[in-house]
């Protein structure tokens, strides 16, 4: 199916075309995503800038699909984040309305078809979905398709209402901004080892860690790496960005030997200070609610609050 438009029909007899998206579809896809948020009572948060970042490393003709009416309206969208066919995350959006569940069901089927036709023979792949916990109908669709609940994830936000406190660094730790081409190995080591305790996370590659550098607005000065002064060994990562005026803590992790020394809080405060200096007053991040390192508790102490809850559903195919 991928790469070749096909025409399908909803139960209402309305026809739509399944085709790969193009770069020109970005604004319409973002409008669709935001319509889904509005329908759940949320403030729309997606932007074209963020979608284009998400597309880095994704072959649109291979790993994404749009459903478009014969009148040209994009009513559905899905894309794939594949981890070596050990775990494949599918992100799907269907236009709110009377046929939303039917169209979402078709997008779920597309995700399974994508995996089934590409995974190694005689192997199992976990397909994962992240859906708003409040979106009862899409959760019903997933359960009917054989998916089961496995985890909750939070989107958390913090308001910077005053100049942040100066970070208290653990003794012997210094921090500096990432230097592309110089600190790549430290970035990979610090990131991979920091997340080795994350639930069900397949190993990643250095190329994956470096993909954000391809973004037109990538800012290396917002990627912070802490090092041990005594031997220059990287202690973790704090990788941030700014999207539509919001500070994003995209990745925060501390390697095992440096945990429980206040390094995670110090990195957050360091990021807060830089955001504050740039006029950013709202900061956002995502986290596993059951993180084995207790990350949500750290974020609460830093001033974050839960804004949205996402249910993670999984199925083996």
C-alpha atoms as a PDB file:
ATOM      1  CA  UNK A   1       0.000   0.000   0.000  1.00  0.00           C
ATOM      2  CA  UNK A   2       2.735   2.459   0.950  1.00  0.00           C
ATOM      3  CA  UNK A   3       3.696   4.683  -1.938  1.00  0.00           C
ATOM      4  CA  UNK A   4       0.613   3.800  -3.999  1.00  0.00           C
ATOM      5  CA  UNK A   5      -2.633   5.750  -3.403  1.00  0.00           C
ATOM      6  CA  UNK A   6      -5.675   3.548  -2.817  1.00  0.00           C
ATOM      7  CA  UNK A   7      -9.326   4.509  -2.542  1.00  0.00           C
ATOM      8  CA  UNK A   8     -11.327   3.077   0.357  1.00  0.00           C
ATOM      9  CA  UNK A   9     -14.862   3.590   1.586  1.00  0.00           C
ATOM     10  CA  UNK A  10     -16.274   4.320   5.025  1.00  0.00           C
ATOM     11  CA  UNK A  11     -19.542   2.750   6.138  1.00  0.00           C
ATOM     12  CA  UNK A  12     -21.202   6.062   5.338  1.00  0.00           C
ATOM     13  CA  UNK A  13     -20.216   5.479   1.667  1.00  0.00           C
ATOM     14  CA  UNK A  14     -17.887   8.460   1.869  1.00  0.00           C
ATOM     15  CA  UNK A  15     -14.708   7.721  -0.074  1.00  0.00           C
ATOM     16  CA  UNK A  16     -11.182   8.656   0.880  1.00  0.00           C
ATOM     17  CA  UNK A  17      -7.736   8.097  -0.585  1.00  0.00           C
ATOM     18  CA  UNK A  18      -4.880   6.509   1.344  1.00  0.00           C
ATOM     19  CA  UNK A  19      -1.577   7.918   0.173  1.00  0.00           C
ATOM     20  CA  UNK A  20       1.829   8.899   1.545  1.00  0.00           C
ATOM     21  CA  UNK A  21       2.042  12.489   2.790  1.00  0.00           C
ATOM     22  CA  UNK A  22       4.237  15.131   1.225  1.00  0.00           C
ATOM     23  CA  UNK A  23       6.022  18.075   2.805  1.00  0.00           C
ATOM     24  CA  UNK A  24       3.238  20.302   1.480  1.00  0.00           C
ATOM     25  CA  UNK A  25       0.725  18.464   3.696  1.00  0.00           C
ATOM     26  CA  UNK A  26       2.389  19.608   6.953  1.00  0.00           C
ATOM     27  CA  UNK A  27      -0.007  22.453   7.761  1.00  0.00           C
ATOM     28  CA  UNK A  28      -3.106  20.327   7.088  1.00  0.00           C
ATOM     29  CA  UNK A  29      -1.753  17.460   9.201  1.00  0.00           C
ATOM     30  CA  UNK A  30      -1.022  19.837  12.079  1.00  0.00           C
ATOM     31  CA  UNK A  31      -4.563  21.225  11.817  1.00  0.00           C
ATOM     32  CA  UNK A  32      -5.872  17.658  12.055  1.00  0.00           C
ATOM     33  CA  UNK A  33      -3.728  16.884  15.123  1.00  0.00           C
ATOM     34  CA  UNK A  34      -4.860  20.058  16.852  1.00  0.00           C
ATOM     35  CA  UNK A  35      -8.514  19.309  16.027  1.00  0.00           C
ATOM     36  CA  UNK A  36      -8.090  15.985  17.834  1.00  0.00           C
ATOM     37  CA  UNK A  37      -6.723  17.825  20.889  1.00  0.00           C
ATOM     38  CA  UNK A  38      -9.542  20.366  20.862  1.00  0.00           C
ATOM     39  CA  UNK A  39     -12.119  17.579  20.698  1.00  0.00           C
ATOM     40  CA  UNK A  40     -10.701  16.215  23.972  1.00  0.00           C
ATOM     41  CA  UNK A  41     -10.883  19.622  25.642  1.00  0.00           C
ATOM     42  CA  UNK A  42      -7.160  20.320  25.322  1.00  0.00           C
ATOM     43  CA  UNK A  43      -5.420  23.453  24.151  1.00  0.00           C
ATOM     44  CA  UNK A  44      -3.944  22.739  20.704  1.00  0.00           C
ATOM     45  CA  UNK A  45      -0.183  22.328  21.013  1.00  0.00           C
ATOM     46  CA  UNK A  46       1.141  20.976  17.716  1.00  0.00           C
ATOM     47  CA  UNK A  47       2.987  23.186  15.246  1.00  0.00           C
ATOM     48  CA  UNK A  48       4.411  22.734  11.768  1.00  0.00           C
ATOM     49  CA  UNK A  49       7.853  23.284  13.269  1.00  0.00           C
ATOM     50  CA  UNK A  50       7.395  20.338  15.630  1.00  0.00           C
ATOM     51  CA  UNK A  51       5.961  18.086  12.934  1.00  0.00           C
ATOM     52  CA  UNK A  52       8.905  18.774  10.665  1.00  0.00           C
ATOM     53  CA  UNK A  53      11.231  17.835  13.529  1.00  0.00           C
ATOM     54  CA  UNK A  54       9.305  14.600  13.977  1.00  0.00           C
ATOM     55  CA  UNK A  55       9.790  13.874  10.288  1.00  0.00           C
ATOM     56  CA  UNK A  56      13.586  13.944  10.561  1.00  0.00           C
ATOM     57  CA  UNK A  57      14.759  10.411   9.864  1.00  0.00           C
ATOM     58  CA  UNK A  58      11.317   9.377   8.568  1.00  0.00           C
ATOM     59  CA  UNK A  59      10.861   8.495   4.921  1.00  0.00           C
ATOM     60  CA  UNK A  60       7.416   9.972   4.284  1.00  0.00           C
ATOM     61  CA  UNK A  61       6.841   7.759   1.263  1.00  0.00           C
ATOM     62  CA  UNK A  62       7.671   4.692   3.349  1.00  0.00           C
ATOM     63  CA  UNK A  63       6.646   5.255   6.956  1.00  0.00           C
ATOM     64  CA  UNK A  64       3.595   7.521   6.935  1.00  0.00           C
ATOM     65  CA  UNK A  65       0.091   7.690   5.483  1.00  0.00           C
ATOM     66  CA  UNK A  66      -2.705  10.227   5.100  1.00  0.00           C
ATOM     67  CA  UNK A  67      -6.399   9.618   4.499  1.00  0.00           C
ATOM     68  CA  UNK A  68      -7.776  12.298   2.192  1.00  0.00           C
ATOM     69  CA  UNK A  69     -11.353  12.773   1.035  1.00  0.00           C
ATOM     70  CA  UNK A  70     -12.058  13.060  -2.652  1.00  0.00           C
ATOM     71  CA  UNK A  71     -12.648  16.748  -1.929  1.00  0.00           C
ATOM     72  CA  UNK A  72      -9.049  17.146  -0.736  1.00  0.00           C
ATOM     73  CA  UNK A  73      -9.550  17.251   3.064  1.00  0.00           C
ATOM     74  CA  UNK A  74      -7.027  15.310   5.142  1.00  0.00           C
ATOM     75  CA  UNK A  75      -9.101  13.347   7.648  1.00  0.00           C
ATOM     76  CA  UNK A  76      -6.489  10.889   8.915  1.00  0.00           C
ATOM     77  CA  UNK A  77      -2.758  10.608   9.452  1.00  0.00           C
ATOM     78  CA  UNK A  78      -0.393   7.997  10.863  1.00  0.00           C
ATOM     79  CA  UNK A  79       3.347   7.523  11.017  1.00  0.00           C
ATOM     80  CA  UNK A  80       5.829   4.988  12.299  1.00  0.00           C
ATOM     81  CA  UNK A  81       8.762   5.145  14.700  1.00  0.00           C
ATOM     82  CA  UNK A  82      10.482   1.810  14.292  1.00  0.00           C
ATOM     83  CA  UNK A  83      13.118   0.411  16.659  1.00  0.00           C
ATOM     84  CA  UNK A  84      14.696  -2.422  14.661  1.00  0.00           C
ATOM     85  CA  UNK A  85      11.342  -4.280  14.614  1.00  0.00           C
ATOM     86  CA  UNK A  86      11.718  -4.972  18.315  1.00  0.00           C
ATOM     87  CA  UNK A  87       9.325  -2.157  19.145  1.00  0.00           C
ATOM     88  CA  UNK A  88       7.357  -0.069  16.652  1.00  0.00           C
ATOM     89  CA  UNK A  89       5.431   2.984  17.783  1.00  0.00           C
ATOM     90  CA  UNK A  90       2.476   4.066  15.647  1.00  0.00           C
ATOM     91  CA  UNK A  91       1.043   7.577  15.991  1.00  0.00           C
ATOM     92  CA  UNK A  92      -2.412   7.895  14.440  1.00  0.00           C
ATOM     93  CA  UNK A  93      -4.952  10.718  14.196  1.00  0.00           C
ATOM     94  CA  UNK A  94      -8.490  10.595  12.809  1.00  0.00           C
ATOM     95  CA  UNK A  95     -10.709  13.632  12.244  1.00  0.00           C
ATOM     96  CA  UNK A  96     -13.253  14.069  15.086  1.00  0.00           C
ATOM     97  CA  UNK A  97     -16.747  13.306  13.903  1.00  0.00           C
ATOM     98  CA  UNK A  98     -19.221  10.459  13.386  1.00  0.00           C
ATOM     99  CA  UNK A  99     -16.736   8.316  11.418  1.00  0.00           C
ATOM    100  CA  UNK A 100     -13.686   8.955  13.608  1.00  0.00           C
ATOM    101  CA  UNK A 101     -13.598   5.472  15.172  1.00  0.00           C
ATOM    102  CA  UNK A 102     -13.995   3.746  11.819  1.00  0.00           C
ATOM    103  CA  UNK A 103     -11.154   5.733  10.302  1.00  0.00           C
ATOM    104  CA  UNK A 104      -8.938   5.263  13.373  1.00  0.00           C
ATOM    105  CA  UNK A 105      -9.575   1.513  13.091  1.00  0.00           C
ATOM    106  CA  UNK A 106      -8.309   1.628   9.497  1.00  0.00           C
ATOM    107  CA  UNK A 107      -5.166   3.487  10.548  1.00  0.00           C
ATOM    108  CA  UNK A 108      -4.518   0.876  13.246  1.00  0.00           C
ATOM    109  CA  UNK A 109      -4.821  -1.811  10.583  1.00  0.00           C
ATOM    110  CA  UNK A 110      -2.375   0.113   8.383  1.00  0.00           C
ATOM    111  CA  UNK A 111       0.187   0.100  11.210  1.00  0.00           C
ATOM    112  CA  UNK A 112      -0.134  -3.667  11.571  1.00  0.00           C
ATOM    113  CA  UNK A 113       0.125  -4.157   7.820  1.00  0.00           C
ATOM    114  CA  UNK A 114       3.257  -2.004   7.769  1.00  0.00           C
ATOM    115  CA  UNK A 115       4.940  -4.135  10.424  1.00  0.00           C
ATOM    116  CA  UNK A 116       3.746  -7.482   9.094  1.00  0.00           C
ATOM    117  CA  UNK A 117       5.110  -6.843   5.608  1.00  0.00           C
ATOM    118  CA  UNK A 118       8.537  -5.638   6.796  1.00  0.00           C
ATOM    119  CA  UNK A 119       9.558  -7.441   9.982  1.00  0.00           C
ATOM    120  CA  UNK A 120      11.981 -10.382   9.870  1.00  0.00           C
ATOM    121  CA  UNK A 121      10.324 -13.723   9.250  1.00  0.00           C
ATOM    122  CA  UNK A 122       9.298 -15.783  12.282  1.00  0.00           C
ATOM    123  CA  UNK A 123       9.764 -12.885  14.681  1.00  0.00           C
ATOM    124  CA  UNK A 124       7.450 -10.883  16.932  1.00  0.00           C
ATOM    125  CA  UNK A 125       7.298  -7.112  17.020  1.00  0.00           C
ATOM    126  CA  UNK A 126       5.634  -5.061  19.724  1.00  0.00           C
ATOM    127  CA  UNK A 127       3.371  -2.332  18.322  1.00  0.00           C
ATOM    128  CA  UNK A 128       2.781   0.535  20.746  1.00  0.00           C
ATOM    129  CA  UNK A 129       0.229   3.356  20.796  1.00  0.00           C
ATOM    130  CA  UNK A 130       0.146   6.402  23.061  1.00  0.00           C
ATOM    131  CA  UNK A 131      -3.414   7.693  23.432  1.00  0.00           C
ATOM    132  CA  UNK A 132      -4.892  10.333  25.682  1.00  0.00           C
ATOM    133  CA  UNK A 133      -6.275   8.586  28.743  1.00  0.00           C
ATOM    134  CA  UNK A 134      -9.428  10.674  28.279  1.00  0.00           C
ATOM    135  CA  UNK A 135      -9.949   9.364  24.729  1.00  0.00           C
ATOM    136  CA  UNK A 136     -12.172   6.427  25.716  1.00  0.00           C
ATOM    137  CA  UNK A 137     -13.322   5.661  22.166  1.00  0.00           C
ATOM    138  CA  UNK A 138      -9.842   5.221  20.688  1.00  0.00           C
ATOM    139  CA  UNK A 139      -8.889   3.035  23.666  1.00  0.00           C
ATOM    140  CA  UNK A 140     -11.969   0.924  22.924  1.00  0.00           C
ATOM    141  CA  UNK A 141     -10.841   0.568  19.306  1.00  0.00           C
ATOM    142  CA  UNK A 142      -7.374  -0.555  20.398  1.00  0.00           C
ATOM    143  CA  UNK A 143      -8.776  -3.071  22.883  1.00  0.00           C
ATOM    144  CA  UNK A 144     -11.104  -4.469  20.210  1.00  0.00           C
ATOM    145  CA  UNK A 145      -8.051  -4.901  17.960  1.00  0.00           C
ATOM    146  CA  UNK A 146      -6.244  -6.913  20.656  1.00  0.00           C
ATOM    147  CA  UNK A 147      -4.119  -4.205  22.265  1.00  0.00           C
ATOM    148  CA  UNK A 148      -3.683  -4.100  26.029  1.00  0.00           C
ATOM    149  CA  UNK A 149      -2.844  -1.316  28.459  1.00  0.00           C
ATOM    150  CA  UNK A 150       0.749  -1.454  29.734  1.00  0.00           C
ATOM    151  CA  UNK A 151       1.779   1.987  30.974  1.00  0.00           C
ATOM    152  CA  UNK A 152       0.834   5.608  31.643  1.00  0.00           C
ATOM    153  CA  UNK A 153       2.934   8.560  30.514  1.00  0.00           C
ATOM    154  CA  UNK A 154       2.678  12.181  31.605  1.00  0.00           C
ATOM    155  CA  UNK A 155       3.154  15.450  29.791  1.00  0.00           C
ATOM    156  CA  UNK A 156       4.292  17.832  32.525  1.00  0.00           C
ATOM    157  CA  UNK A 157       4.697  21.620  32.460  1.00  0.00           C
ATOM    158  CA  UNK A 158       6.399  24.175  34.691  1.00  0.00           C
ATOM    159  CA  UNK A 159       5.844  27.938  34.808  1.00  0.00           C
ATOM    160  CA  UNK A 160       8.930  30.069  35.286  1.00  0.00           C
ATOM    161  CA  UNK A 161       7.518  32.908  37.371  1.00  0.00           C
ATOM    162  CA  UNK A 162      10.830  34.138  38.784  1.00  0.00           C
ATOM    163  CA  UNK A 163      14.523  33.850  37.984  1.00  0.00           C
ATOM    164  CA  UNK A 164      15.507  30.210  38.674  1.00  0.00           C
ATOM    165  CA  UNK A 165      17.782  29.314  41.564  1.00  0.00           C
ATOM    166  CA  UNK A 166      21.424  28.693  40.732  1.00  0.00           C
ATOM    167  CA  UNK A 167      22.095  24.976  40.292  1.00  0.00           C
ATOM    168  CA  UNK A 168      23.945  23.090  43.037  1.00  0.00           C
ATOM    169  CA  UNK A 169      26.320  20.825  41.154  1.00  0.00           C
ATOM    170  CA  UNK A 170      27.615  17.618  42.742  1.00  0.00           C
ATOM    171  CA  UNK A 171      31.241  17.947  43.763  1.00  0.00           C
ATOM    172  CA  UNK A 172      33.589  17.408  40.840  1.00  0.00           C
ATOM    173  CA  UNK A 173      30.962  17.818  38.106  1.00  0.00           C
ATOM    174  CA  UNK A 174      31.064  20.560  35.478  1.00  0.00           C
ATOM    175  CA  UNK A 175      28.667  21.223  32.601  1.00  0.00           C
ATOM    176  CA  UNK A 176      29.152  22.566  29.102  1.00  0.00           C
ATOM    177  CA  UNK A 177      27.155  22.850  25.904  1.00  0.00           C
ATOM    178  CA  UNK A 178      27.399  20.027  23.414  1.00  0.00           C
ATOM    179  CA  UNK A 179      29.880  20.535  20.557  1.00  0.00           C
ATOM    180  CA  UNK A 180      28.726  18.844  17.333  1.00  0.00           C
ATOM    181  CA  UNK A 181      31.378  16.568  15.893  1.00  0.00           C
ATOM    182  CA  UNK A 182      33.452  16.772  19.076  1.00  0.00           C
ATOM    183  CA  UNK A 183      31.146  15.424  21.796  1.00  0.00           C
ATOM    184  CA  UNK A 184      29.234  12.883  19.691  1.00  0.00           C
ATOM    185  CA  UNK A 185      30.655   9.833  21.478  1.00  0.00           C
ATOM    186  CA  UNK A 186      30.002  11.387  24.903  1.00  0.00           C
ATOM    187  CA  UNK A 187      26.456  12.260  23.860  1.00  0.00           C
ATOM    188  CA  UNK A 188      25.801   8.682  22.774  1.00  0.00           C
ATOM    189  CA  UNK A 189      27.401   7.135  25.870  1.00  0.00           C
ATOM    190  CA  UNK A 190      25.711   9.535  28.284  1.00  0.00           C
ATOM    191  CA  UNK A 191      22.322   9.118  26.676  1.00  0.00           C
ATOM    192  CA  UNK A 192      22.315   5.360  26.160  1.00  0.00           C
ATOM    193  CA  UNK A 193      23.596   4.505  29.639  1.00  0.00           C
ATOM    194  CA  UNK A 194      21.267   6.995  31.306  1.00  0.00           C
ATOM    195  CA  UNK A 195      18.283   5.248  29.739  1.00  0.00           C
ATOM    196  CA  UNK A 196      19.375   1.626  30.115  1.00  0.00           C
ATOM    197  CA  UNK A 197      16.922   1.258  33.025  1.00  0.00           C
ATOM    198  CA  UNK A 198      13.962   2.616  31.057  1.00  0.00           C
ATOM    199  CA  UNK A 199      11.133   0.095  30.763  1.00  0.00           C
ATOM    200  CA  UNK A 200      11.107  -1.928  27.546  1.00  0.00           C
ATOM    201  CA  UNK A 201      13.490   0.380  25.672  1.00  0.00           C
ATOM    202  CA  UNK A 202      15.461  -1.254  22.835  1.00  0.00           C
ATOM    203  CA  UNK A 203      19.055  -0.037  22.385  1.00  0.00           C
ATOM    204  CA  UNK A 204      19.458   2.934  20.086  1.00  0.00           C
ATOM    205  CA  UNK A 205      22.295   4.019  17.797  1.00  0.00           C
ATOM    206  CA  UNK A 206      24.569   7.025  17.617  1.00  0.00           C
ATOM    207  CA  UNK A 207      22.909   8.040  14.354  1.00  0.00           C
ATOM    208  CA  UNK A 208      19.514   8.167  16.115  1.00  0.00           C
ATOM    209  CA  UNK A 209      20.941  10.400  18.848  1.00  0.00           C
ATOM    210  CA  UNK A 210      22.377  12.728  16.214  1.00  0.00           C
ATOM    211  CA  UNK A 211      19.205  12.991  14.103  1.00  0.00           C
ATOM    212  CA  UNK A 212      18.012  16.238  15.805  1.00  0.00           C
ATOM    213  CA  UNK A 213      21.093  17.990  14.402  1.00  0.00           C
ATOM    214  CA  UNK A 214      19.401  17.835  10.994  1.00  0.00           C
ATOM    215  CA  UNK A 215      16.673  20.281  12.077  1.00  0.00           C
ATOM    216  CA  UNK A 216      17.000  23.741  10.563  1.00  0.00           C
ATOM    217  CA  UNK A 217      16.584  25.318  13.993  1.00  0.00           C
ATOM    218  CA  UNK A 218      18.835  22.940  15.953  1.00  0.00           C
ATOM    219  CA  UNK A 219      20.575  24.856  18.751  1.00  0.00           C
ATOM    220  CA  UNK A 220      23.590  23.066  20.250  1.00  0.00           C
ATOM    221  CA  UNK A 221      23.767  25.661  23.023  1.00  0.00           C
ATOM    222  CA  UNK A 222      20.595  24.092  24.501  1.00  0.00           C
ATOM    223  CA  UNK A 223      22.163  20.635  24.765  1.00  0.00           C
ATOM    224  CA  UNK A 224      23.980  20.334  28.095  1.00  0.00           C
ATOM    225  CA  UNK A 225      26.503  17.638  28.980  1.00  0.00           C
ATOM    226  CA  UNK A 226      27.833  17.194  32.548  1.00  0.00           C
ATOM    227  CA  UNK A 227      31.346  15.816  32.998  1.00  0.00           C
ATOM    228  CA  UNK A 228      33.447  14.523  35.902  1.00  0.00           C
ATOM    229  CA  UNK A 229      36.418  16.848  36.343  1.00  0.00           C
ATOM    230  CA  UNK A 230      38.746  14.080  37.531  1.00  0.00           C
ATOM    231  CA  UNK A 231      38.614  12.004  34.349  1.00  0.00           C
ATOM    232  CA  UNK A 232      36.451  13.888  31.850  1.00  0.00           C
ATOM    233  CA  UNK A 233      33.833  11.150  31.812  1.00  0.00           C
ATOM    234  CA  UNK A 234      30.310  12.156  30.781  1.00  0.00           C
ATOM    235  CA  UNK A 235      27.770  11.864  33.619  1.00  0.00           C
ATOM    236  CA  UNK A 236      24.499  12.269  31.738  1.00  0.00           C
ATOM    237  CA  UNK A 237      22.607  14.431  29.255  1.00  0.00           C
ATOM    238  CA  UNK A 238      20.123  17.285  29.274  1.00  0.00           C
ATOM    239  CA  UNK A 239      18.938  17.973  25.739  1.00  0.00           C
ATOM    240  CA  UNK A 240      16.568  20.900  25.311  1.00  0.00           C
ATOM    241  CA  UNK A 241      14.949  22.928  22.548  1.00  0.00           C
ATOM    242  CA  UNK A 242      12.446  25.718  22.059  1.00  0.00           C
ATOM    243  CA  UNK A 243       9.210  25.148  20.138  1.00  0.00           C
ATOM    244  CA  UNK A 244       6.642  27.880  19.542  1.00  0.00           C
ATOM    245  CA  UNK A 245       7.899  29.834  22.549  1.00  0.00           C
ATOM    246  CA  UNK A 246       7.865  26.839  24.915  1.00  0.00           C
ATOM    247  CA  UNK A 247      11.005  25.384  26.441  1.00  0.00           C
ATOM    248  CA  UNK A 248      11.227  21.644  25.829  1.00  0.00           C
ATOM    249  CA  UNK A 249      13.288  19.305  27.993  1.00  0.00           C
ATOM    250  CA  UNK A 250      13.449  16.617  25.332  1.00  0.00           C
ATOM    251  CA  UNK A 251      15.865  14.276  27.123  1.00  0.00           C
ATOM    252  CA  UNK A 252      17.164  14.267  30.681  1.00  0.00           C
ATOM    253  CA  UNK A 253      19.198  11.373  32.031  1.00  0.00           C
ATOM    254  CA  UNK A 254      21.914  10.637  34.567  1.00  0.00           C
ATOM    255  CA  UNK A 255      24.258   7.654  34.399  1.00  0.00           C
ATOM    256  CA  UNK A 256      24.102   5.250  37.340  1.00  0.00           C
ATOM    257  CA  UNK A 257      27.341   6.274  39.134  1.00  0.00           C
ATOM    258  CA  UNK A 258      26.143   9.900  39.393  1.00  0.00           C
ATOM    259  CA  UNK A 259      22.576   9.315  40.519  1.00  0.00           C
ATOM    260  CA  UNK A 260      21.181  10.428  43.903  1.00  0.00           C
ATOM    261  CA  UNK A 261      23.656  13.288  44.082  1.00  0.00           C
ATOM    262  CA  UNK A 262      21.379  16.065  42.849  1.00  0.00           C
ATOM    263  CA  UNK A 263      22.701  16.082  39.279  1.00  0.00           C
ATOM    264  CA  UNK A 264      19.276  15.716  37.661  1.00  0.00           C
ATOM    265  CA  UNK A 265      17.916  18.710  39.594  1.00  0.00           C
ATOM    266  CA  UNK A 266      21.037  20.742  38.820  1.00  0.00           C
ATOM    267  CA  UNK A 267      20.655  20.057  35.105  1.00  0.00           C
ATOM    268  CA  UNK A 268      17.008  21.120  35.226  1.00  0.00           C
ATOM    269  CA  UNK A 269      17.901  24.341  37.032  1.00  0.00           C
ATOM    270  CA  UNK A 270      20.672  24.980  34.516  1.00  0.00           C
ATOM    271  CA  UNK A 271      18.161  24.549  31.677  1.00  0.00           C
ATOM    272  CA  UNK A 272      15.622  26.768  33.472  1.00  0.00           C
ATOM    273  CA  UNK A 273      18.217  29.533  33.778  1.00  0.00           C
ATOM    274  CA  UNK A 274      18.954  29.426  30.067  1.00  0.00           C
ATOM    275  CA  UNK A 275      15.270  29.420  29.177  1.00  0.00           C
ATOM    276  CA  UNK A 276      14.690  32.347  31.518  1.00  0.00           C
ATOM    277  CA  UNK A 277      17.577  34.269  29.940  1.00  0.00           C
ATOM    278  CA  UNK A 278      15.924  33.786  26.553  1.00  0.00           C
ATOM    279  CA  UNK A 279      12.532  34.982  27.753  1.00  0.00           C
ATOM    280  CA  UNK A 280      10.915  31.526  27.935  1.00  0.00           C
ATOM    281  CA  UNK A 281       8.376  31.225  30.752  1.00  0.00           C
ATOM    282  CA  UNK A 282       6.792  27.810  30.113  1.00  0.00           C
ATOM    283  CA  UNK A 283       8.728  24.516  30.090  1.00  0.00           C
ATOM    284  CA  UNK A 284       7.405  21.103  29.065  1.00  0.00           C
ATOM    285  CA  UNK A 285       8.571  17.483  29.137  1.00  0.00           C
ATOM    286  CA  UNK A 286       7.250  13.924  28.872  1.00  0.00           C
ATOM    287  CA  UNK A 287       7.916  11.088  31.297  1.00  0.00           C
ATOM    288  CA  UNK A 288       6.968   7.514  32.090  1.00  0.00           C
ATOM    289  CA  UNK A 289       4.672   7.716  35.124  1.00  0.00           C
ATOM    290  CA  UNK A 290       6.250   4.517  36.481  1.00  0.00           C
ATOM    291  CA  UNK A 291       9.849   5.447  35.708  1.00  0.00           C
ATOM    292  CA  UNK A 292      12.178   3.113  37.663  1.00  0.00           C
ATOM    293  CA  UNK A 293      14.410   6.073  38.518  1.00  0.00           C
ATOM    294  CA  UNK A 294      11.528   8.058  40.045  1.00  0.00           C
ATOM    295  CA  UNK A 295      11.749  10.801  37.428  1.00  0.00           C
ATOM    296  CA  UNK A 296       8.203  12.180  38.015  1.00  0.00           C
ATOM    297  CA  UNK A 297       9.063  12.902  41.661  1.00  0.00           C
ATOM    298  CA  UNK A 298      12.158  14.825  40.591  1.00  0.00           C
ATOM    299  CA  UNK A 299      10.108  16.866  38.135  1.00  0.00           C
ATOM    300  CA  UNK A 300       7.468  17.645  40.756  1.00  0.00           C
ATOM    301  CA  UNK A 301      10.164  18.925  43.111  1.00  0.00           C
ATOM    302  CA  UNK A 302      11.440  21.104  40.266  1.00  0.00           C
ATOM    303  CA  UNK A 303       7.974  22.663  39.873  1.00  0.00           C
ATOM    304  CA  UNK A 304       6.426  20.577  37.107  1.00  0.00           C
ATOM    305  CA  UNK A 305       2.781  19.512  37.210  1.00  0.00           C
ATOM    306  CA  UNK A 306       0.933  16.870  35.202  1.00  0.00           C
ATOM    307  CA  UNK A 307      -0.901  18.477  32.286  1.00  0.00           C
ATOM    308  CA  UNK A 308      -1.908  15.392  30.247  1.00  0.00           C
ATOM    309  CA  UNK A 309      -2.007  11.642  30.795  1.00  0.00           C
ATOM    310  CA  UNK A 310      -1.398   9.199  27.969  1.00  0.00           C
ATOM    311  CA  UNK A 311      -2.230   5.497  28.086  1.00  0.00           C
ATOM    312  CA  UNK A 312       0.264   3.224  26.391  1.00  0.00           C
ATOM    313  CA  UNK A 313      -1.221   0.193  24.648  1.00  0.00           C
ATOM    314  CA  UNK A 314       0.731  -2.696  23.162  1.00  0.00           C
ATOM    315  CA  UNK A 315       0.229  -5.775  20.988  1.00  0.00           C
ATOM    316  CA  UNK A 316       2.581  -8.424  19.596  1.00  0.00           C
ATOM    317  CA  UNK A 317       2.352  -9.136  15.873  1.00  0.00           C
END
